[in-house]
Every structure is written in C-alpha cells, then in structure tokens.
Amino acid sequence: MNPMNVLFFLLPLLLLSPLLSANGKRFLLPTDPRAYLTQEVHWFDQTLDHFSPTDHRQFKQRYYEFLDYYEVSNGPIFLKICGESTCPGIVNDYTSVLAEKFGAALVSLEHRYYGMSSPFKLTTTENLGYLSSKQALFDLAVFRQYYQESLNSKYNRSNFESPWFVFGVSYSGALSAWFRLKFPHLTCGSLASSAVVLAVYNFSQFDQQVGDSAGPECKAVLQEITKLVDQQLLSDGVAVKDLFGASMVFYHTECSSLILEI
C-alpha cells in the first residue's frame, strides 16, 4: 500500500469534508446507534503530564476501533481525532468510505477531560492545569505507539509499522495538522478540515463575514437587535436571561458588542 496514493486521494477532501462530515452541523453528534460504525469502548492508561519527569500519574482514556475493512498485510491506520466534546463512537462518515477503499483500520481517541476520559472528578483550577492542546498532542503520540503495538500483538507481528493518517475538523483539525508537524515520523499525512491553526485575539473579522453574508438589510437588523439586547442586559440583565433559561450565565458586555462593529 503506497501512502502517496492515499494522500492524493485525500487532497480534494480538504474542501469537501466539512460538508460530507456534518452538513454544516459537525458539532451535533448523532444519537442513532446506526450512525456509528462502532460504539464498543476500549481503554488504555494515558500519562497525565507528558512534560514532568517526576509525575507518573495516569488516567483512563477511552478509544474505539473498527477493523472490518482492515487489510492486515499492508493496510493503513486512520486516526480520527475527537475534539472538545464527548466521543461516543466512530461515526459512519466519509472516512468509512476511505477505509473500505484502502483497507484501513479506523481508530478514534477521546480528548482528555471530555466524555469519559477525565483524569479528575472535580474540575478545579488546579485539576484543569493539564488540559491543553500540547498535552493532547502527546496523548495522540503515546496512543499511536500503544495502538500500533497492540495491533501487532493481535495479529502476531513484530517490528511492524503501519502507515498512519490523522483526521480532524475544526479544533481537532488543528490537532491533526499540529500532530503531523510535531511528529512527522509517526504519520504519513494529515487531513485538517476547517482547522483553527491560527488563534487571533479580538477576531472581529468573523462578525464582519456574518454581516457581509447577511446583506445590508439583515446586517442592520442584527446590529439593532444586538444593541437593544445589550441595553436591556445592562438595565435588567436577569429578566432578559430568564427569557432564555440562562439566568445563571455570567455576561460579558464586550462579547455581544462586537457585532455592532460589522
């Protein structure tokens, strides 16, 4: 199996995958079990702090595998990176089409602190100190090595290295791109769809795009509504938030005022 063949096939999906994966609603996980290739849970022991030589604590991290299409002799492994939400299984999306075409194994790792993969029961500030994209990248590297060895043991192979490709969308897309850059020896390629690889402070251009897409009339209405809600929040914020069942939500006036600038 030539990794370059997979790469050339994946390139058009850089544009198509946001549509194929969720039709613009990629953060809404399907509830129908038939939407998943598998929801059978597996666990492995993950390092809590990859950057401490003295902290040897571990936690249980959840993952899934789908091997129905896997060609043991030379099939690649497709790692689907889960992002900032629970990961209830491997969704039956375009990656399953690719896996069947290339005889690939599909495996997906839940992000630390989400779903069932939280190192701590309490989310105190101290406990959240290990939640970062850097730790998550090393989670993927450690898992990649663990799973390769696990698969080798399963099929009675020794010193065998499969071609690995990583997939992600939005935040997990950024992880996919960063993983390829950080660990080029561990993966042959990365599909980073809508990847947020560049963090921009006070990113008002996002709202500007909303205004441009909505058109002048809708833009004016959005600005007027935002202005009215801002005013009401300042005068009687609890009453306004009660209308939306959000009376306990802490409000920052800076956030909604951004839309007034578009």
C-alpha atoms as a PDB file:
ATOM      1  CA  MET A   1       0.000   0.000   0.000  1.00  0.00           C
ATOM      2  CA  ASN A   2       1.566   3.278  -1.147  1.00  0.00           C
ATOM      3  CA  PRO A   3       0.939   6.162   1.298  1.00  0.00           C
ATOM      4  CA  MET A   4       1.185   8.665  -1.563  1.00  0.00           C
ATOM      5  CA  ASN A   5      -1.880   7.129  -3.207  1.00  0.00           C
ATOM      6  CA  VAL A   6      -3.874   7.855  -0.073  1.00  0.00           C
ATOM      7  CA  LEU A   7      -2.540  11.416   0.099  1.00  0.00           C
ATOM      8  CA  PHE A   8      -3.529  12.232  -3.467  1.00  0.00           C
ATOM      9  CA  PHE A   9      -6.989  10.815  -2.849  1.00  0.00           C
ATOM     10  CA  LEU A  10      -7.389  12.890   0.321  1.00  0.00           C
ATOM     11  CA  LEU A  11      -6.469  16.256  -1.166  1.00  0.00           C
ATOM     12  CA  PRO A  12      -9.906  17.028  -2.688  1.00  0.00           C
ATOM     13  CA  LEU A  13     -11.495  16.279   0.666  1.00  0.00           C
ATOM     14  CA  LEU A  14      -9.802  19.293   2.218  1.00  0.00           C
ATOM     15  CA  LEU A  15     -12.589  21.295   0.611  1.00  0.00           C
ATOM     16  CA  LEU A  16     -15.364  18.737   0.739  1.00  0.00           C
ATOM     17  CA  SER A  17     -15.031  17.207   4.195  1.00  0.00           C
ATOM     18  CA  PRO A  18     -16.906  19.916   6.179  1.00  0.00           C
ATOM     19  CA  LEU A  19     -19.947  19.179   4.012  1.00  0.00           C
ATOM     20  CA  LEU A  20     -19.504  15.428   3.992  1.00  0.00           C
ATOM     21  CA  SER A  21     -18.899  15.106   7.695  1.00  0.00           C
ATOM     22  CA  ALA A  22     -21.841  17.006   9.085  1.00  0.00           C
ATOM     23  CA  ASN A  23     -23.570  19.277   6.584  1.00  0.00           C
ATOM     24  CA  GLY A  24     -22.590  22.395   8.497  1.00  0.00           C
ATOM     25  CA  LYS A  25     -23.580  20.876  11.865  1.00  0.00           C
ATOM     26  CA  ARG A  26     -20.447  18.962  12.726  1.00  0.00           C
ATOM     27  CA  PHE A  27     -20.702  19.589  16.466  1.00  0.00           C
ATOM     28  CA  LEU A  28     -24.079  17.827  16.758  1.00  0.00           C
ATOM     29  CA  LEU A  29     -23.287  14.181  17.395  1.00  0.00           C
ATOM     30  CA  PRO A  30     -25.819  11.679  16.038  1.00  0.00           C
ATOM     31  CA  THR A  31     -27.953   9.853  18.597  1.00  0.00           C
ATOM     32  CA  ASP A  32     -28.992   6.930  16.396  1.00  0.00           C
ATOM     33  CA  PRO A  33     -26.638   3.957  17.057  1.00  0.00           C
ATOM     34  CA  ARG A  34     -26.869   3.079  13.356  1.00  0.00           C
ATOM     35  CA  ALA A  35     -24.942   6.272  12.609  1.00  0.00           C
ATOM     36  CA  TYR A  36     -21.814   4.714  14.123  1.00  0.00           C
ATOM     37  CA  LEU A  37     -19.505   2.054  12.788  1.00  0.00           C
ATOM     38  CA  THR A  38     -18.874   1.018  16.367  1.00  0.00           C
ATOM     39  CA  GLN A  39     -19.584   2.188  19.903  1.00  0.00           C
ATOM     40  CA  GLU A  40     -17.676  -0.598  21.606  1.00  0.00           C
ATOM     41  CA  VAL A  41     -15.468   1.059  24.219  1.00  0.00           C
ATOM     42  CA  HIS A  42     -11.782   0.315  24.784  1.00  0.00           C
ATOM     43  CA  TRP A  43      -9.481   1.857  27.391  1.00  0.00           C
ATOM     44  CA  PHE A  44      -5.807   2.433  27.870  1.00  0.00           C
ATOM     45  CA  ASP A  45      -3.657   4.100  30.510  1.00  0.00           C
ATOM     46  CA  GLN A  46      -2.636   7.594  29.450  1.00  0.00           C
ATOM     47  CA  THR A  47       0.057   9.759  31.032  1.00  0.00           C
ATOM     48  CA  LEU A  48      -1.382  12.727  32.916  1.00  0.00           C
ATOM     49  CA  ASP A  49       1.556  15.108  32.472  1.00  0.00           C
ATOM     50  CA  HIS A  50       3.797  14.453  29.480  1.00  0.00           C
ATOM     51  CA  PHE A  51       6.203  17.222  30.496  1.00  0.00           C
ATOM     52  CA  SER A  52       7.062  16.193  34.048  1.00  0.00           C
ATOM     53  CA  PRO A  53       9.882  13.693  34.633  1.00  0.00           C
ATOM     54  CA  THR A  54       8.661  13.017  38.191  1.00  0.00           C
ATOM     55  CA  ASP A  55       4.859  12.899  37.816  1.00  0.00           C
ATOM     56  CA  HIS A  56       3.944   9.338  36.840  1.00  0.00           C
ATOM     57  CA  ARG A  57       0.193   9.593  37.334  1.00  0.00           C
ATOM     58  CA  GLN A  58      -2.071   8.117  34.665  1.00  0.00           C
ATOM     59  CA  PHE A  59      -5.754   8.173  33.766  1.00  0.00           C
ATOM     60  CA  LYS A  60      -8.083   6.004  31.702  1.00  0.00           C
ATOM     61  CA  GLN A  61      -8.624   7.301  28.172  1.00  0.00           C
ATOM     62  CA  ARG A  62     -11.436   5.972  26.007  1.00  0.00           C
ATOM     63  CA  TYR A  63     -10.994   4.898  22.402  1.00  0.00           C
ATOM     64  CA  TYR A  64     -12.731   2.945  19.658  1.00  0.00           C
ATOM     65  CA  GLU A  65     -11.559   0.731  16.825  1.00  0.00           C
ATOM     66  CA  PHE A  66     -13.170  -0.581  13.642  1.00  0.00           C
ATOM     67  CA  LEU A  67     -11.303  -3.336  11.833  1.00  0.00           C
ATOM     68  CA  ASP A  68     -13.859  -4.702   9.359  1.00  0.00           C
ATOM     69  CA  TYR A  69     -12.035  -3.202   6.374  1.00  0.00           C
ATOM     70  CA  TYR A  70      -8.516  -3.643   7.676  1.00  0.00           C
ATOM     71  CA  GLU A  71      -6.057  -5.499   5.480  1.00  0.00           C
ATOM     72  CA  VAL A  72      -3.564  -6.949   7.926  1.00  0.00           C
ATOM     73  CA  SER A  73      -0.702  -7.307   5.449  1.00  0.00           C
ATOM     74  CA  ASN A  74      -0.333  -3.657   4.433  1.00  0.00           C
ATOM     75  CA  GLY A  75      -3.438  -1.643   5.377  1.00  0.00           C
ATOM     76  CA  PRO A  76      -3.045   1.882   6.804  1.00  0.00           C
ATOM     77  CA  ILE A  77      -4.472   3.118  10.083  1.00  0.00           C
ATOM     78  CA  PHE A  78      -6.788   6.138  10.044  1.00  0.00           C
ATOM     79  CA  LEU A  79      -6.780   8.008  13.368  1.00  0.00           C
ATOM     80  CA  LYS A  80      -9.900  10.136  13.787  1.00  0.00           C
ATOM     81  CA  ILE A  81      -9.153  12.772  16.417  1.00  0.00           C
ATOM     82  CA  CYS A  82     -12.026  13.661  18.723  1.00  0.00           C
ATOM     83  CA  GLY A  83     -12.241  17.308  19.754  1.00  0.00           C
ATOM     84  CA  GLU A  84     -13.849  19.321  22.522  1.00  0.00           C
ATOM     85  CA  SER A  85     -16.857  17.088  23.194  1.00  0.00           C
ATOM     86  CA  THR A  86     -17.764  13.582  24.256  1.00  0.00           C
ATOM     87  CA  CYS A  87     -16.763  10.854  21.808  1.00  0.00           C
ATOM     88  CA  PRO A  88     -19.453   8.127  21.814  1.00  0.00           C
ATOM     89  CA  GLY A  89     -18.056   6.090  18.923  1.00  0.00           C
ATOM     90  CA  ILE A  90     -16.702   6.135  15.372  1.00  0.00           C
ATOM     91  CA  VAL A  91     -19.201   7.946  13.178  1.00  0.00           C
ATOM     92  CA  ASN A  92     -20.061   6.337   9.846  1.00  0.00           C
ATOM     93  CA  ASP A  93     -18.998   9.202   7.580  1.00  0.00           C
ATOM     94  CA  TYR A  94     -16.675   9.724   4.614  1.00  0.00           C
ATOM     95  CA  THR A  95     -13.750   8.170   6.485  1.00  0.00           C
ATOM     96  CA  SER A  96     -15.504   4.802   6.379  1.00  0.00           C
ATOM     97  CA  VAL A  97     -15.639   5.086   2.569  1.00  0.00           C
ATOM     98  CA  LEU A  98     -11.898   5.783   2.532  1.00  0.00           C
ATOM     99  CA  ALA A  99     -11.209   2.958   4.980  1.00  0.00           C
ATOM    100  CA  GLU A 100     -13.053   0.472   2.784  1.00  0.00           C
ATOM    101  CA  LYS A 101     -11.261   1.729  -0.336  1.00  0.00           C
ATOM    102  CA  PHE A 102      -7.770   1.490   1.173  1.00  0.00           C
ATOM    103  CA  GLY A 103      -8.256  -1.443   3.557  1.00  0.00           C
ATOM    104  CA  ALA A 104      -7.677   0.764   6.581  1.00  0.00           C
ATOM    105  CA  ALA A 105      -8.282   0.316  10.270  1.00  0.00           C
ATOM    106  CA  LEU A 106     -10.259   3.129  11.871  1.00  0.00           C
ATOM    107  CA  VAL A 107      -9.425   4.209  15.402  1.00  0.00           C
ATOM    108  CA  SER A 108     -10.628   7.191  17.414  1.00  0.00           C
ATOM    109  CA  LEU A 109      -9.330   8.613  20.698  1.00  0.00           C
ATOM    110  CA  GLU A 110     -11.450  10.720  23.047  1.00  0.00           C
ATOM    111  CA  HIS A 111      -9.886  14.035  24.066  1.00  0.00           C
ATOM    112  CA  ARG A 112      -8.671  14.286  27.643  1.00  0.00           C
ATOM    113  CA  TYR A 113     -11.182  15.915  30.060  1.00  0.00           C
ATOM    114  CA  TYR A 114     -14.151  15.194  27.765  1.00  0.00           C
ATOM    115  CA  GLY A 115     -16.739  12.422  27.856  1.00  0.00           C
ATOM    116  CA  MET A 116     -15.466   9.541  29.964  1.00  0.00           C
ATOM    117  CA  SER A 117     -11.781  10.483  29.686  1.00  0.00           C
ATOM    118  CA  SER A 118     -11.444  12.944  32.543  1.00  0.00           C
ATOM    119  CA  PRO A 119      -8.436  12.482  34.841  1.00  0.00           C
ATOM    120  CA  PHE A 120     -10.306  14.030  37.794  1.00  0.00           C
ATOM    121  CA  LYS A 121     -13.802  14.007  39.237  1.00  0.00           C
ATOM    122  CA  LEU A 122     -13.601  17.690  40.159  1.00  0.00           C
ATOM    123  CA  THR A 123     -12.816  20.420  37.604  1.00  0.00           C
ATOM    124  CA  THR A 124     -10.915  22.711  39.934  1.00  0.00           C
ATOM    125  CA  THR A 125      -8.459  25.228  38.532  1.00  0.00           C
ATOM    126  CA  GLU A 126      -5.578  23.063  39.702  1.00  0.00           C
ATOM    127  CA  ASN A 127      -7.023  19.923  38.121  1.00  0.00           C
ATOM    128  CA  LEU A 128      -7.651  21.724  34.823  1.00  0.00           C
ATOM    129  CA  GLY A 129      -3.973  22.607  34.606  1.00  0.00           C
ATOM    130  CA  TYR A 130      -3.364  19.524  32.461  1.00  0.00           C
ATOM    131  CA  LEU A 131      -5.961  20.458  29.851  1.00  0.00           C
ATOM    132  CA  SER A 132      -4.070  21.852  26.866  1.00  0.00           C
ATOM    133  CA  SER A 133      -3.555  21.198  23.186  1.00  0.00           C
ATOM    134  CA  LYS A 134       0.103  20.387  23.903  1.00  0.00           C
ATOM    135  CA  GLN A 135      -0.837  17.631  26.322  1.00  0.00           C
ATOM    136  CA  ALA A 136      -3.460  16.418  23.823  1.00  0.00           C
ATOM    137  CA  LEU A 137      -0.854  16.152  21.054  1.00  0.00           C
ATOM    138  CA  PHE A 138       1.349  13.954  23.211  1.00  0.00           C
ATOM    139  CA  ASP A 139      -1.731  11.929  24.164  1.00  0.00           C
ATOM    140  CA  LEU A 140      -2.097  11.143  20.469  1.00  0.00           C
ATOM    141  CA  ALA A 141       1.582  10.244  20.103  1.00  0.00           C
ATOM    142  CA  VAL A 142       1.530   7.907  23.102  1.00  0.00           C
ATOM    143  CA  PHE A 143      -1.732   6.345  21.935  1.00  0.00           C
ATOM    144  CA  ARG A 144      -0.401   5.906  18.409  1.00  0.00           C
ATOM    145  CA  GLN A 145       2.549   3.904  19.724  1.00  0.00           C
ATOM    146  CA  TYR A 146       0.363   1.917  22.102  1.00  0.00           C
ATOM    147  CA  TYR A 147      -2.180   1.018  19.437  1.00  0.00           C
ATOM    148  CA  GLN A 148       0.436   0.033  16.864  1.00  0.00           C
ATOM    149  CA  GLU A 149       1.977  -2.379  19.377  1.00  0.00           C
ATOM    150  CA  SER A 150      -1.482  -3.611  20.366  1.00  0.00           C
ATOM    151  CA  LEU A 151      -2.385  -4.339  16.750  1.00  0.00           C
ATOM    152  CA  ASN A 152       0.942  -6.065  16.156  1.00  0.00           C
ATOM    153  CA  SER A 153       0.311  -8.292  19.141  1.00  0.00           C
ATOM    154  CA  LYS A 154      -3.236  -9.022  17.969  1.00  0.00           C
ATOM    155  CA  TYR A 155      -2.010 -10.228  14.563  1.00  0.00           C
ATOM    156  CA  ASN A 156       1.206 -11.815  15.847  1.00  0.00           C
ATOM    157  CA  ARG A 157       3.519  -9.343  14.117  1.00  0.00           C
ATOM    158  CA  SER A 158       6.816  -7.923  15.314  1.00  0.00           C
ATOM    159  CA  ASN A 159       8.505  -4.610  14.468  1.00  0.00           C
ATOM    160  CA  PHE A 160       5.713  -3.797  12.016  1.00  0.00           C
ATOM    161  CA  GLU A 161       4.826  -0.175  11.277  1.00  0.00           C
ATOM    162  CA  SER A 162       1.587   0.696   9.509  1.00  0.00           C
ATOM    163  CA  PRO A 163       1.126   3.920   7.513  1.00  0.00           C
ATOM    164  CA  TRP A 164      -0.825   6.285   9.791  1.00  0.00           C
ATOM    165  CA  PHE A 165      -3.076   9.135   8.627  1.00  0.00           C
ATOM    166  CA  VAL A 166      -4.772  11.547  11.026  1.00  0.00           C
ATOM    167  CA  PHE A 167      -8.138  13.255  10.510  1.00  0.00           C
ATOM    168  CA  GLY A 168      -9.746  16.188  12.295  1.00  0.00           C
ATOM    169  CA  VAL A 169     -12.270  19.003  11.897  1.00  0.00           C
ATOM    170  CA  SER A 170     -12.100  22.495  13.448  1.00  0.00           C
ATOM    171  CA  TYR A 171     -10.152  22.200  16.740  1.00  0.00           C
ATOM    172  CA  SER A 172      -9.389  18.536  16.130  1.00  0.00           C
ATOM    173  CA  GLY A 173      -8.363  19.610  12.621  1.00  0.00           C
ATOM    174  CA  ALA A 174      -5.779  21.863  14.199  1.00  0.00           C
ATOM    175  CA  LEU A 175      -4.582  18.947  16.317  1.00  0.00           C
ATOM    176  CA  SER A 176      -4.351  16.885  13.133  1.00  0.00           C
ATOM    177  CA  ALA A 177      -2.158  19.482  11.424  1.00  0.00           C
ATOM    178  CA  TRP A 178      -0.009  20.073  14.501  1.00  0.00           C
ATOM    179  CA  PHE A 179       0.421  16.336  15.036  1.00  0.00           C
ATOM    180  CA  ARG A 180       1.789  15.951  11.523  1.00  0.00           C
ATOM    181  CA  LEU A 181       4.214  18.838  12.106  1.00  0.00           C
ATOM    182  CA  LYS A 182       5.258  17.772  15.598  1.00  0.00           C
ATOM    183  CA  PHE A 183       5.558  14.044  14.899  1.00  0.00           C
ATOM    184  CA  PRO A 184       6.334  13.608  11.186  1.00  0.00           C
ATOM    185  CA  HIS A 185       7.892  10.220  11.934  1.00  0.00           C
ATOM    186  CA  LEU A 186       4.603   8.918  13.345  1.00  0.00           C
ATOM    187  CA  THR A 187       2.260   9.766  10.477  1.00  0.00           C
ATOM    188  CA  CYS A 188       2.301   9.849   6.675  1.00  0.00           C
ATOM    189  CA  GLY A 189      -0.311  12.568   6.292  1.00  0.00           C
ATOM    190  CA  SER A 190      -2.985  14.727   7.871  1.00  0.00           C
ATOM    191  CA  LEU A 191      -6.435  15.877   6.805  1.00  0.00           C
ATOM    192  CA  ALA A 192      -7.052  19.110   8.710  1.00  0.00           C
ATOM    193  CA  SER A 193     -10.513  20.316   7.728  1.00  0.00           C
ATOM    194  CA  SER A 194     -11.518  23.862   8.767  1.00  0.00           C
ATOM    195  CA  ALA A 195      -8.539  23.721  11.106  1.00  0.00           C
ATOM    196  CA  VAL A 196      -8.216  26.618  13.545  1.00  0.00           C
ATOM    197  CA  VAL A 197      -4.431  26.664  13.434  1.00  0.00           C
ATOM    198  CA  LEU A 198      -4.088  30.415  13.972  1.00  0.00           C
ATOM    199  CA  ALA A 199      -5.540  31.975  17.114  1.00  0.00           C
ATOM    200  CA  VAL A 200      -6.448  35.646  16.616  1.00  0.00           C
ATOM    201  CA  TYR A 201      -7.207  37.896  19.584  1.00  0.00           C
ATOM    202  CA  ASN A 202     -10.349  40.034  19.275  1.00  0.00           C
ATOM    203  CA  PHE A 203     -11.240  38.407  15.957  1.00  0.00           C
ATOM    204  CA  SER A 204     -13.898  40.877  14.765  1.00  0.00           C
ATOM    205  CA  GLN A 205     -13.419  39.746  11.157  1.00  0.00           C
ATOM    206  CA  PHE A 206     -15.601  36.750  11.964  1.00  0.00           C
ATOM    207  CA  ASP A 207     -18.565  39.042  12.653  1.00  0.00           C
ATOM    208  CA  GLN A 208     -17.668  41.103   9.615  1.00  0.00           C
ATOM    209  CA  GLN A 209     -18.101  37.992   7.490  1.00  0.00           C
ATOM    210  CA  VAL A 210     -21.525  37.413   9.084  1.00  0.00           C
ATOM    211  CA  GLY A 211     -22.530  40.941   8.126  1.00  0.00           C
ATOM    212  CA  ASP A 212     -21.250  40.597   4.580  1.00  0.00           C
ATOM    213  CA  SER A 213     -23.068  37.294   4.109  1.00  0.00           C
ATOM    214  CA  ALA A 214     -26.334  38.545   5.613  1.00  0.00           C
ATOM    215  CA  GLY A 215     -26.511  41.608   3.366  1.00  0.00           C
ATOM    216  CA  PRO A 216     -27.119  45.276   4.258  1.00  0.00           C
ATOM    217  CA  GLU A 217     -30.735  44.936   5.463  1.00  0.00           C
ATOM    218  CA  CYS A 218     -30.224  41.869   7.647  1.00  0.00           C
ATOM    219  CA  LYS A 219     -26.975  43.304   8.912  1.00  0.00           C
ATOM    220  CA  ALA A 220     -28.770  46.442  10.091  1.00  0.00           C
ATOM    221  CA  VAL A 221     -31.438  44.346  11.842  1.00  0.00           C
ATOM    222  CA  LEU A 222     -28.796  42.194  13.574  1.00  0.00           C
ATOM    223  CA  GLN A 223     -26.989  45.294  14.774  1.00  0.00           C
ATOM    224  CA  GLU A 224     -30.206  46.871  16.075  1.00  0.00           C
ATOM    225  CA  ILE A 225     -31.282  43.709  17.907  1.00  0.00           C
ATOM    226  CA  THR A 226     -27.848  43.318  19.466  1.00  0.00           C
ATOM    227  CA  LYS A 227     -27.907  46.933  20.597  1.00  0.00           C
ATOM    228  CA  LEU A 228     -31.351  46.517  22.204  1.00  0.00           C
ATOM    229  CA  VAL A 229     -30.378  43.294  23.984  1.00  0.00           C
ATOM    230  CA  ASP A 230     -27.177  44.904  25.264  1.00  0.00           C
ATOM    231  CA  GLN A 231     -29.164  47.804  26.666  1.00  0.00           C
ATOM    232  CA  GLN A 232     -31.684  45.521  28.360  1.00  0.00           C
ATOM    233  CA  LEU A 233     -28.936  43.366  29.818  1.00  0.00           C
ATOM    234  CA  LEU A 234     -27.408  46.428  31.421  1.00  0.00           C
ATOM    235  CA  SER A 235     -30.717  47.661  32.848  1.00  0.00           C
ATOM    236  CA  ASP A 236     -32.309  44.331  33.841  1.00  0.00           C
ATOM    237  CA  GLY A 237     -29.982  41.522  32.856  1.00  0.00           C
ATOM    238  CA  VAL A 238     -31.616  38.808  34.955  1.00  0.00           C
ATOM    239  CA  ALA A 239     -35.012  39.312  33.300  1.00  0.00           C
ATOM    240  CA  VAL A 240     -33.527  39.090  29.825  1.00  0.00           C
ATOM    241  CA  LYS A 241     -31.544  35.963  30.634  1.00  0.00           C
ATOM    242  CA  ASP A 242     -34.628  34.373  32.205  1.00  0.00           C
ATOM    243  CA  LEU A 243     -36.311  34.538  28.800  1.00  0.00           C
ATOM    244  CA  PHE A 244     -33.693  32.104  27.518  1.00  0.00           C
ATOM    245  CA  GLY A 245     -33.343  29.975  30.654  1.00  0.00           C
ATOM    246  CA  ALA A 246     -29.888  31.433  31.255  1.00  0.00           C
ATOM    247  CA  SER A 247     -30.270  33.408  34.469  1.00  0.00           C
ATOM    248  CA  MET A 248     -27.117  31.886  35.946  1.00  0.00           C
ATOM    249  CA  VAL A 249     -24.904  32.740  32.967  1.00  0.00           C
ATOM    250  CA  PHE A 250     -22.294  35.406  33.649  1.00  0.00           C
ATOM    251  CA  TYR A 251     -22.453  38.098  30.968  1.00  0.00           C
ATOM    252  CA  HIS A 252     -19.593  39.995  29.317  1.00  0.00           C
ATOM    253  CA  THR A 253     -20.746  43.129  27.502  1.00  0.00           C
ATOM    254  CA  GLU A 254     -17.636  43.048  25.307  1.00  0.00           C
ATOM    255  CA  CYS A 255     -18.747  39.823  23.613  1.00  0.00           C
ATOM    256  CA  SER A 256     -22.027  40.884  22.036  1.00  0.00           C
ATOM    257  CA  SER A 257     -20.914  44.418  21.251  1.00  0.00           C
ATOM    258  CA  LEU A 258     -18.518  43.063  18.645  1.00  0.00           C
ATOM    259  CA  ILE A 259     -21.352  42.569  16.191  1.00  0.00           C
ATOM    260  CA  LEU A 260     -22.051  46.298  16.292  1.00  0.00           C
ATOM    261  CA  GLU A 261     -18.708  46.870  14.597  1.00  0.00           C
ATOM    262  CA  ILE A 262     -19.502  44.837  11.480  1.00  0.00           C
END
